[in-house]
C-alpha atoms as a PDB file:
ATOM      1  CA  MET A   1       4.258  45.987  37.147  1.00  0.00           C
ATOM      2  CA  ASN A   2       5.684  48.850  39.020  1.00  0.00           C
ATOM      3  CA  LEU A   3       7.838  51.224  36.100  1.00  0.00           C
ATOM      4  CA  ARG A   4      10.096  54.008  37.059  1.00  0.00           C
ATOM      5  CA  VAL A   5      11.767  56.629  34.991  1.00  0.00           C
ATOM      6  CA  VAL A   6      15.427  57.481  35.433  1.00  0.00           C
ATOM      7  CA  GLY A   7      16.225  60.986  33.494  1.00  0.00           C
ATOM      8  CA  ASN A   8      18.995  59.997  31.429  1.00  0.00           C
ATOM      9  CA  LYS A   9      21.603  62.917  30.303  1.00  0.00           C
ATOM     10  CA  VAL A  10      20.064  65.621  32.091  1.00  0.00           C
ATOM     11  CA  GLN A  11      22.347  68.968  32.461  1.00  0.00           C
ATOM     12  CA  HIS A  12      20.129  71.716  33.240  1.00  0.00           C
ATOM     13  CA  GLN A  13      17.844  72.477  35.925  1.00  0.00           C
ATOM     14  CA  ASP A  14      15.399  72.950  33.270  1.00  0.00           C
ATOM     15  CA  ASP A  15      15.441  68.995  32.195  1.00  0.00           C
ATOM     16  CA  LEU A  16      14.922  68.546  35.606  1.00  0.00           C
ATOM     17  CA  ASP A  17      11.406  70.584  35.678  1.00  0.00           C
ATOM     18  CA  TYR A  18      10.654  69.145  32.569  1.00  0.00           C
ATOM     19  CA  LEU A  19      11.079  65.535  33.225  1.00  0.00           C
ATOM     20  CA  ARG A  20       9.260  66.717  36.962  1.00  0.00           C
ATOM     21  CA  GLN A  21       6.941  68.143  35.369  1.00  0.00           C
ATOM     22  CA  ASN A  22       5.858  64.883  32.388  1.00  0.00           C
ATOM     23  CA  VAL A  23       6.758  61.990  35.207  1.00  0.00           C
ATOM     24  CA  GLY A  24       5.700  63.599  38.109  1.00  0.00           C
ATOM     25  CA  ASP A  25       6.336  61.089  41.000  1.00  0.00           C
ATOM     26  CA  ASP A  26       7.687  58.200  39.336  1.00  0.00           C
ATOM     27  CA  LEU A  27      11.299  60.171  38.713  1.00  0.00           C
ATOM     28  CA  ILE A  28      13.292  58.070  40.726  1.00  0.00           C
ATOM     29  CA  GLY A  29      16.153  60.112  39.551  1.00  0.00           C
ATOM     30  CA  VAL A  30      18.590  60.909  37.314  1.00  0.00           C
ATOM     31  CA  LEU A  31      21.626  60.820  35.239  1.00  0.00           C
ATOM     32  CA  GLY A  32      24.055  63.884  33.977  1.00  0.00           C
ATOM     33  CA  GLN A  33      26.199  63.992  31.045  1.00  0.00           C
ATOM     34  CA  SER A  34      29.206  62.024  31.913  1.00  0.00           C
ATOM     35  CA  GLU A  35      33.088  61.852  31.264  1.00  0.00           C
ATOM     36  CA  TRP A  36      32.854  58.147  33.107  1.00  0.00           C
ATOM     37  CA  VAL A  37      30.271  57.338  30.508  1.00  0.00           C
ATOM     38  CA  ARG A  38      31.930  58.526  27.623  1.00  0.00           C
ATOM     39  CA  ARG A  39      35.499  56.790  28.756  1.00  0.00           C
ATOM     40  CA  ALA A  40      34.203  53.168  28.730  1.00  0.00           C
ATOM     41  CA  GLU A  41      32.619  54.228  25.143  1.00  0.00           C
ATOM     42  CA  GLN A  42      35.935  54.776  24.312  1.00  0.00           C
ATOM     43  CA  GLY A  43      36.585  51.157  25.009  1.00  0.00           C
ATOM     44  CA  ARG A  44      38.709  52.928  28.415  1.00  0.00           C
ATOM     45  CA  GLU A  45      36.729  50.859  30.950  1.00  0.00           C
ATOM     46  CA  PRO A  46      37.525  53.203  33.956  1.00  0.00           C
ATOM     47  CA  ARG A  47      36.802  52.042  37.460  1.00  0.00           C
ATOM     48  CA  LEU A  48      33.619  52.414  38.864  1.00  0.00           C
ATOM     49  CA  ALA A  49      34.803  54.469  41.446  1.00  0.00           C
ATOM     50  CA  GLU A  50      36.004  56.637  38.808  1.00  0.00           C
ATOM     51  CA  LEU A  51      32.155  57.678  38.079  1.00  0.00           C
ATOM     52  CA  GLU A  52      30.708  60.979  39.468  1.00  0.00           C
ATOM     53  CA  PRO A  53      29.203  61.352  42.644  1.00  0.00           C
ATOM     54  CA  GLU A  54      25.619  62.260  41.494  1.00  0.00           C
ATOM     55  CA  ASN A  55      25.864  59.682  39.190  1.00  0.00           C
ATOM     56  CA  ARG A  56      26.448  57.131  41.488  1.00  0.00           C
ATOM     57  CA  ALA A  57      24.229  58.139  44.067  1.00  0.00           C
ATOM     58  CA  THR A  58      21.519  57.730  41.471  1.00  0.00           C
ATOM     59  CA  LEU A  59      22.701  54.213  40.199  1.00  0.00           C
ATOM     60  CA  ARG A  60      22.818  53.716  44.539  1.00  0.00           C
ATOM     61  CA  VAL A  61      19.047  54.363  44.569  1.00  0.00           C
ATOM     62  CA  LEU A  62      18.281  52.918  41.844  1.00  0.00           C
ATOM     63  CA  HIS A  63      20.163  49.638  43.657  1.00  0.00           C
ATOM     64  CA  GLU A  64      17.918  49.970  46.774  1.00  0.00           C
ATOM     65  CA  ALA A  65      14.739  50.496  44.685  1.00  0.00           C
ATOM     66  CA  VAL A  66      15.910  46.830  42.793  1.00  0.00           C
ATOM     67  CA  ASP A  67      16.429  45.175  46.539  1.00  0.00           C
ATOM     68  CA  ALA A  68      13.548  46.481  47.443  1.00  0.00           C
ATOM     69  CA  SER A  69      11.136  45.081  44.850  1.00  0.00           C
ATOM     70  CA  TYR A  70      11.937  41.415  45.720  1.00  0.00           C
ATOM     71  CA  GLN A  71       9.110  40.069  47.071  1.00  0.00           C
ATOM     72  CA  ARG A  72       6.756  42.108  44.712  1.00  0.00           C
ATOM     73  CA  ARG A  73       8.485  39.124  42.661  1.00  0.00           C
ATOM     74  CA  ASP A  74       6.936  36.243  40.993  1.00  0.00           C
ATOM     75  CA  TRP A  75       9.695  33.871  40.308  1.00  0.00           C
ATOM     76  CA  ASP A  76       6.944  31.506  38.175  1.00  0.00           C
ATOM     77  CA  ARG A  77       5.676  34.043  36.472  1.00  0.00           C
ATOM     78  CA  TYR A  78       8.917  35.215  35.455  1.00  0.00           C
ATOM     79  CA  THR A  79      10.376  31.531  34.387  1.00  0.00           C
ATOM     80  CA  SER A  80       7.164  29.875  32.544  1.00  0.00           C
ATOM     81  CA  ARG A  81       7.436  31.760  29.168  1.00  0.00           C
ATOM     82  CA  TRP A  82      10.407  28.862  29.128  1.00  0.00           C
ATOM     83  CA  CYS A  83       9.824  26.275  30.552  1.00  0.00           C
ATOM     84  CA  GLY A  84       6.200  25.831  31.417  1.00  0.00           C
ATOM     85  CA  SER A  85       4.726  24.594  34.712  1.00  0.00           C
ATOM     86  CA  THR A  86       7.922  23.067  35.337  1.00  0.00           C
ATOM     87  CA  CYS A  87       9.745  26.050  36.891  1.00  0.00           C
ATOM     88  CA  ALA A  88       7.072  26.456  39.128  1.00  0.00           C
ATOM     89  CA  THR A  89       6.808  22.740  40.737  1.00  0.00           C
ATOM     90  CA  ARG A  90      10.496  22.654  40.831  1.00  0.00           C
ATOM     91  CA  ARG A  91      10.669  25.630  42.933  1.00  0.00           C
ATOM     92  CA  ALA A  92       7.470  25.146  44.607  1.00  0.00           C
ATOM     93  CA  GLY A  93       8.761  25.375  48.523  1.00  0.00           C
ATOM     94  CA  GLN A  94      11.906  26.553  47.678  1.00  0.00           C
ATOM     95  CA  ARG A  95      13.899  29.206  49.451  1.00  0.00           C
ATOM     96  CA  GLN A  96      12.787  32.773  48.400  1.00  0.00           C
ATOM     97  CA  ASP A  97      14.079  35.556  50.907  1.00  0.00           C
ATOM     98  CA  ARG A  98      16.493  38.483  48.599  1.00  0.00           C
ATOM     99  CA  HIS A  99      17.855  36.007  45.929  1.00  0.00           C
ATOM    100  CA  GLY A 100      16.739  35.142  42.798  1.00  0.00           C
ATOM    101  CA  PRO A 101      17.017  32.492  40.670  1.00  0.00           C
ATOM    102  CA  GLY A 102      21.703  31.552  40.093  1.00  0.00           C
ATOM    103  CA  ARG A 103      22.084  34.287  43.440  1.00  0.00           C
ATOM    104  CA  PRO A 104      23.047  32.563  46.564  1.00  0.00           C
ATOM    105  CA  GLY A 105      20.675  31.150  48.122  1.00  0.00           C
ATOM    106  CA  GLY A 106      17.938  31.540  45.689  1.00  0.00           C
ATOM    107  CA  PRO A 107      16.425  28.751  43.067  1.00  0.00           C
ATOM    108  CA  PRO A 108      19.114  27.302  41.734  1.00  0.00           C
ATOM    109  CA  LEU A 109      19.316  27.792  37.352  1.00  0.00           C
ATOM    110  CA  HIS A 110      17.950  26.022  35.347  1.00  0.00           C
ATOM    111  CA  ALA A 111      19.875  24.908  31.844  1.00  0.00           C
ATOM    112  CA  HIS A 112      17.337  27.812  29.801  1.00  0.00           C
ATOM    113  CA  GLU A 113      19.014  30.515  32.647  1.00  0.00           C
ATOM    114  CA  ASP A 114      22.485  30.846  32.176  1.00  0.00           C
ATOM    115  CA  VAL A 115      23.971  33.207  33.615  1.00  0.00           C
ATOM    116  CA  ARG A 116      27.464  33.484  35.193  1.00  0.00           C
ATOM    117  CA  ASP A 117      28.298  32.727  38.585  1.00  0.00           C
ATOM    118  CA  ASP A 118      30.588  36.228  38.849  1.00  0.00           C
ATOM    119  CA  ALA A 119      27.455  38.299  37.024  1.00  0.00           C
ATOM    120  CA  TRP A 120      25.429  39.389  40.342  1.00  0.00           C
ATOM    121  CA  ALA A 121      28.764  39.868  41.389  1.00  0.00           C
ATOM    122  CA  GLU A 122      29.159  42.572  39.025  1.00  0.00           C
ATOM    123  CA  ALA A 123      26.404  43.790  38.513  1.00  0.00           C
ATOM    124  CA  SER A 124      26.078  44.644  42.682  1.00  0.00           C
ATOM    125  CA  LEU A 125      27.269  48.378  43.316  1.00  0.00           C
ATOM    126  CA  THR A 126      28.996  48.601  46.006  1.00  0.00           C
ATOM    127  CA  VAL A 127      29.819  52.348  46.361  1.00  0.00           C
END
């Protein structure tokens, strides 16, 4: 398992220094205090384009890291918790490129993998 650390609500250089000292190379990025998040928590629904540029840059890094990790994913292991060997059998030989279950080009969703069709589009960051 490859775990990475994201600093949250980082305000000053000493916060960043503290994170680097304690997590080293596992620090993938930081998110600062955010007026955008505060507005979202208040229910104002700000547009993603209004997110602070430095926080958008961190989200872009996270998005790229997740996409780059695709080849290490083991869908059979992830889904066996819910459906045992049935999933592994159904997925044998299916195309496993950069799309996961329920994504266009990926393995089909099973009944227990209840994901809305537009969930991937909502999660993708096009910033």
